[in-house]
Protein backbone atom coordinates (compact mmCIF):
# COMPACT_ATOMS: atom_id res chain seq x y z
CA MET A 1 8.59 -8.85 -7.52
CA PHE A 2 5.55 -9.65 -9.67
CA CYS A 3 2.25 -7.79 -9.93
CA ASP A 4 -1.30 -8.93 -10.66
CA GLU A 5 -3.61 -7.66 -13.40
CA THR A 6 -4.31 -4.49 -11.40
CA HIS A 7 -0.57 -3.77 -11.04
CA ASN A 8 -0.54 -4.50 -7.31
CA PRO A 9 2.38 -6.63 -6.06
CA ASN A 10 1.26 -10.14 -5.17
CA MET A 11 4.40 -12.29 -5.45
CA PHE A 12 8.13 -12.08 -5.07
CA CYS A 13 10.84 -14.71 -5.55
CA LEU A 14 14.05 -15.29 -3.63
CA GLY A 15 17.14 -17.23 -4.62
CA LEU A 16 18.17 -20.38 -2.75
CA TYR A 17 21.86 -19.47 -3.07
CA SER A 18 21.65 -15.97 -1.69
CA HIS A 19 24.66 -16.14 0.65
CA TYR A 20 28.10 -17.69 0.29
CA ARG A 21 27.84 -19.31 3.78
CA ILE A 22 24.24 -20.42 3.55
CA TYR A 23 24.66 -23.56 5.70
CA GLY A 24 26.79 -21.80 8.32
CA MET A 25 24.26 -18.99 8.67
CA LEU A 26 21.35 -21.41 8.89
CA TYR A 27 23.17 -23.53 11.49
CA LYS A 28 23.62 -20.51 13.75
CA GLN A 29 20.02 -19.41 13.19
CA LEU A 30 18.74 -22.82 14.28
CA LYS A 31 20.74 -22.51 17.53
CA TRP A 32 19.10 -19.26 18.66
CA ASP A 33 17.57 -20.11 22.04
CA GLU A 34 14.09 -19.22 23.21
CA LYS A 35 15.16 -16.72 25.86
CA VAL A 36 17.06 -14.60 23.33
CA LYS A 37 14.17 -14.82 20.86
CA ASP A 38 11.74 -13.59 23.52
CA GLU A 39 14.03 -10.72 24.52
CA MET A 40 14.53 -9.70 20.91
CA TRP A 41 10.80 -9.83 20.20
CA LYS A 42 10.21 -7.64 23.25
CA LYS A 43 12.73 -5.10 21.90
CA ILE A 44 11.23 -5.13 18.40
CA VAL A 45 7.72 -4.55 19.75
CA GLN A 46 8.97 -1.68 21.90
CA ILE A 47 10.76 -0.09 18.94
CA LYS A 48 7.64 -0.43 16.80
CA ILE A 49 5.43 1.25 19.40
CA TYR A 50 7.95 4.05 20.00
CA ASN A 51 8.13 4.67 16.23
CA GLN A 52 4.35 4.70 15.98
CA THR A 53 4.42 7.27 18.77
CA SER A 54 6.88 9.40 16.79
CA ILE A 55 4.37 9.50 13.92
CA LEU A 56 1.62 10.67 16.26
CA LYS A 57 3.93 13.35 17.67
CA LEU A 58 4.86 14.57 14.20
CA LEU A 59 1.18 14.87 13.25
CA LYS A 60 0.39 16.62 16.56
CA LYS A 61 -2.12 14.03 17.68
CA ASN A 62 -3.72 13.74 21.12
CA PRO A 63 -1.01 13.99 23.84
CA GLU A 64 -2.98 11.64 26.10
CA VAL A 65 -2.96 8.94 23.42
CA ILE A 66 0.75 9.48 22.88
CA GLN A 67 1.39 9.06 26.59
CA ARG A 68 -0.63 5.84 26.67
CA MET A 69 1.39 4.52 23.73
CA ILE A 70 4.61 5.23 25.62
CA GLN A 71 3.20 3.39 28.64
CA PHE A 72 2.39 0.39 26.45
CA ALA A 73 5.94 0.37 25.07
CA ASN A 74 7.46 0.56 28.54
CA SER A 75 5.37 -2.37 29.78
CA VAL A 76 6.17 -4.89 27.04
CA GLU A 77 7.25 -8.23 28.49
CA PRO A 78 9.61 -10.84 26.96
CA GLY A 79 7.87 -12.45 24.01
CA ASP A 80 5.18 -9.75 24.36
CA ALA A 81 3.23 -12.12 26.57
CA THR A 82 0.56 -9.47 27.30
CA ASN A 83 0.09 -8.50 23.62
CA ARG A 84 1.05 -4.86 24.03
CA GLU A 85 1.72 -4.75 20.29
CA GLY A 86 -1.91 -5.51 19.40
CA ILE A 87 -3.38 -3.22 22.05
CA ALA A 88 -1.13 -0.32 21.02
CA ALA A 89 -1.88 -0.89 17.32
CA SER A 90 -5.63 -0.61 17.89
CA LEU A 91 -5.23 2.69 19.74
CA TYR A 92 -2.67 3.96 17.23
CA PHE A 93 -4.74 3.42 14.08
CA LYS A 94 -7.83 4.98 15.62
CA GLU A 95 -5.85 8.08 16.50
CA LEU A 96 -4.04 8.09 13.17
CA LEU A 97 -6.98 7.50 10.81
CA GLY A 98 -10.12 8.14 12.87
CA ASP A 99 -12.35 6.27 15.31
CA SER A 100 -14.27 4.57 12.51
CA PHE A 101 -11.15 3.04 10.94
CA ARG A 102 -10.60 -0.70 11.31
CA ARG A 103 -7.36 -2.25 10.17
CA GLU A 104 -8.24 -5.21 7.91
CA ARG A 105 -6.02 -6.92 5.36
CA GLY A 106 -8.90 -7.82 3.08
CA ALA A 107 -10.66 -4.46 3.22
CA VAL A 108 -10.92 -2.41 0.02
CA ASP A 109 -11.30 1.10 1.45
CA ALA A 110 -8.64 3.63 0.48
CA PHE A 111 -6.66 3.54 3.73
CA ASN A 112 -6.54 -0.24 4.08
CA SER A 113 -5.75 -0.70 0.38
CA ALA A 114 -2.86 1.75 0.62
CA LEU A 115 -1.55 0.17 3.83
CA ASN A 116 -1.77 -3.30 2.30
CA TYR A 117 0.10 -2.19 -0.81
CA GLY A 118 2.78 -0.40 1.18
CA TYR A 119 3.32 -3.28 3.56
CA ILE A 120 3.68 -5.75 0.67
CA VAL A 121 6.38 -3.59 -0.92
CA LEU A 122 8.12 -3.17 2.45
CA ARG A 123 7.88 -6.91 3.08
CA SER A 124 9.60 -7.67 -0.21
CA CYS A 125 12.43 -5.25 0.64
CA VAL A 126 12.96 -6.87 4.05
CA ALA A 127 12.73 -10.38 2.55
CA ARG A 128 15.49 -9.50 0.10
CA ALA A 129 17.76 -8.32 2.93
CA VAL A 130 16.97 -11.31 5.16
CA THR A 131 17.81 -13.87 2.50
CA ALA A 132 20.81 -11.91 1.18
CA HIS A 133 22.38 -12.26 4.62
CA GLY A 134 21.82 -16.02 4.70
CA LEU A 135 18.86 -16.27 7.06
CA HIS A 136 15.89 -18.56 6.46
CA PRO A 137 12.79 -16.34 6.24
CA ALA A 138 10.40 -18.93 7.71
CA LEU A 139 12.18 -19.25 11.07
CA GLY A 140 10.73 -16.34 13.02
CA ILE A 141 11.17 -15.23 16.61
CA GLY A 142 7.80 -13.57 17.23
CA HIS A 143 5.81 -14.77 14.22
CA ARG A 144 5.75 -18.57 14.23
CA ASN A 145 2.86 -19.49 11.99
CA GLN A 146 3.47 -22.91 10.42
CA TYR A 147 1.74 -21.74 7.23
CA ASN A 148 3.84 -18.58 6.85
CA ALA A 149 7.01 -18.85 4.78
CA PHE A 150 8.12 -15.36 5.88
CA ASN A 151 7.81 -15.34 9.66
CA LEU A 152 11.24 -13.79 10.21
CA VAL A 153 10.57 -11.18 7.53
CA ASP A 154 7.35 -10.20 9.30
CA ASP A 155 9.31 -9.93 12.55
CA CYS A 156 11.96 -7.63 11.10
CA MET A 157 9.64 -5.38 9.13
CA GLU A 158 7.66 -4.37 12.24
CA VAL A 159 9.95 -1.49 13.16
CA PHE A 160 9.65 -0.03 9.64
CA ARG A 161 5.86 -0.17 9.32
CA PRO A 162 5.41 3.44 10.55
CA VAL A 163 7.24 4.60 7.41
CA ILE A 164 4.32 3.22 5.38
CA ASP A 165 1.76 4.58 7.84
CA LEU A 166 3.08 8.10 7.41
CA TRP A 167 3.01 7.77 3.62
CA VAL A 168 -0.66 6.76 3.80
CA VAL A 169 -1.62 9.67 6.06
CA LEU A 170 0.19 12.22 3.90
CA SER A 171 -0.83 10.82 0.50
CA VAL A 172 -4.24 9.15 0.73
CA LYS A 173 -7.72 10.53 1.30
CA GLU A 174 -10.69 8.44 2.38
CA GLU A 175 -12.41 8.75 -0.99
CA ASP A 176 -9.27 7.98 -3.05
CA TYR A 177 -8.35 5.02 -5.19
CA LEU A 178 -4.76 3.83 -5.15
CA THR A 179 -3.25 5.54 -8.20
CA ARG A 180 0.07 5.23 -10.00
CA GLU A 181 1.11 8.58 -8.55
CA MET A 182 0.46 7.35 -5.01
CA LYS A 183 2.53 4.22 -5.66
CA GLN A 184 5.35 6.39 -6.99
CA GLN A 185 5.21 8.43 -3.81
CA LEU A 186 5.66 5.22 -1.85
CA ILE A 187 8.78 4.30 -3.83
CA ALA A 188 10.15 7.78 -3.15
CA ARG A 189 9.37 7.24 0.53
CA LEU A 190 11.70 4.23 0.58
CA SER A 191 14.49 6.56 -0.54
CA ALA A 192 13.79 9.06 2.23
CA LYS A 193 16.28 9.44 5.08
CA ILE A 194 15.69 8.07 8.56
CA ASN A 195 17.89 7.90 11.64
CA ILE A 196 19.56 4.59 12.47
CA GLY A 197 22.65 3.95 14.53
CA GLY A 198 23.30 7.66 14.93
CA GLN A 199 23.32 8.39 11.21
CA LYS A 200 20.85 9.20 8.47
CA GLN A 201 20.27 6.48 5.88
CA THR A 202 17.67 5.77 3.25
CA VAL A 203 14.95 3.38 4.36
CA LEU A 204 16.40 0.67 2.09
CA ASN A 205 19.90 1.08 3.55
CA ALA A 206 18.45 1.17 7.05
CA ILE A 207 16.74 -2.17 6.45
CA ASP A 208 20.07 -3.72 5.50
CA LEU A 209 21.83 -2.24 8.55
CA PHE A 210 19.03 -3.46 10.79
CA ILE A 211 19.31 -7.03 9.48
CA GLN A 212 23.09 -7.05 9.88
CA SER A 213 22.85 -5.88 13.47
CA PHE A 214 19.95 -8.27 14.14
CA ILE A 215 22.13 -11.22 13.13
CA LYS A 216 25.00 -9.97 15.29
CA ALA A 217 22.70 -9.45 18.28
CA MET A 218 21.11 -12.89 17.98
CA ASN A 219 24.39 -14.74 17.46
CA ASN A 220 25.99 -12.95 20.43
CA ARG A 221 22.90 -13.25 22.64
CA ASP A 222 22.90 -9.48 23.23
CA VAL A 223 19.84 -7.56 22.01
CA ASP A 224 21.55 -4.25 22.83
CA LEU A 225 23.67 -4.75 19.71
CA LEU A 226 20.59 -4.12 17.57
CA GLN A 227 20.67 -0.94 15.46
CA TYR A 228 17.21 0.30 14.62
CA PRO A 229 15.34 3.31 13.23
CA ALA A 230 14.32 5.70 15.99
CA ASP A 231 13.34 9.32 16.55
CA GLY A 232 13.80 10.16 12.90
CA ILE A 233 11.46 7.47 11.55
CA ALA A 234 9.13 10.21 10.36
CA ILE A 235 11.64 12.23 8.33
């Protein structure tokens, strides 16, 4: 991963020969059908919303908002046709960071800057795992932007985003600048333990386990085979 002149990550590179069965893995990935993709995207969105809810519970936020988040998660449709992810995210960030907060990638306020930094680091970690297991990162199931080389990475990182959100809430104040110490806290956060598949793993190990189970679930057309961080996402 490479950083710009302000030491913020802005590029990462991935090897073309990252897996010993690169063609075999890609061949199977290309055969994933639309129904399975839609079911998997539904499950990922539900997991993301439930994990966002766990953050709100940990921080003792408004119970009514938490209940609405649970309702959003329970009503996600295949392919998230009704955009429950976006609706839940808007409610979640307002409750998490205040009514005046607006999530914007290009914003330079302390919260958005920290979120952007954290998500970039998380994205690079997920990209490494995706390519290491022989998947093509551009072939997403929920994200399908023709200009995005990392659609599948953006799909898979969704369930881990609340890890970054919690780091921001615990480490950043509205008047802060993103310091070296804050960035170090983020790196430590990726070594924290979360629950996945009935066991506690570091975030980095959990990402790898998630990708392995994701491949198994997609190839076997059974989304229930997916192992994902839950309940303990906020540890």
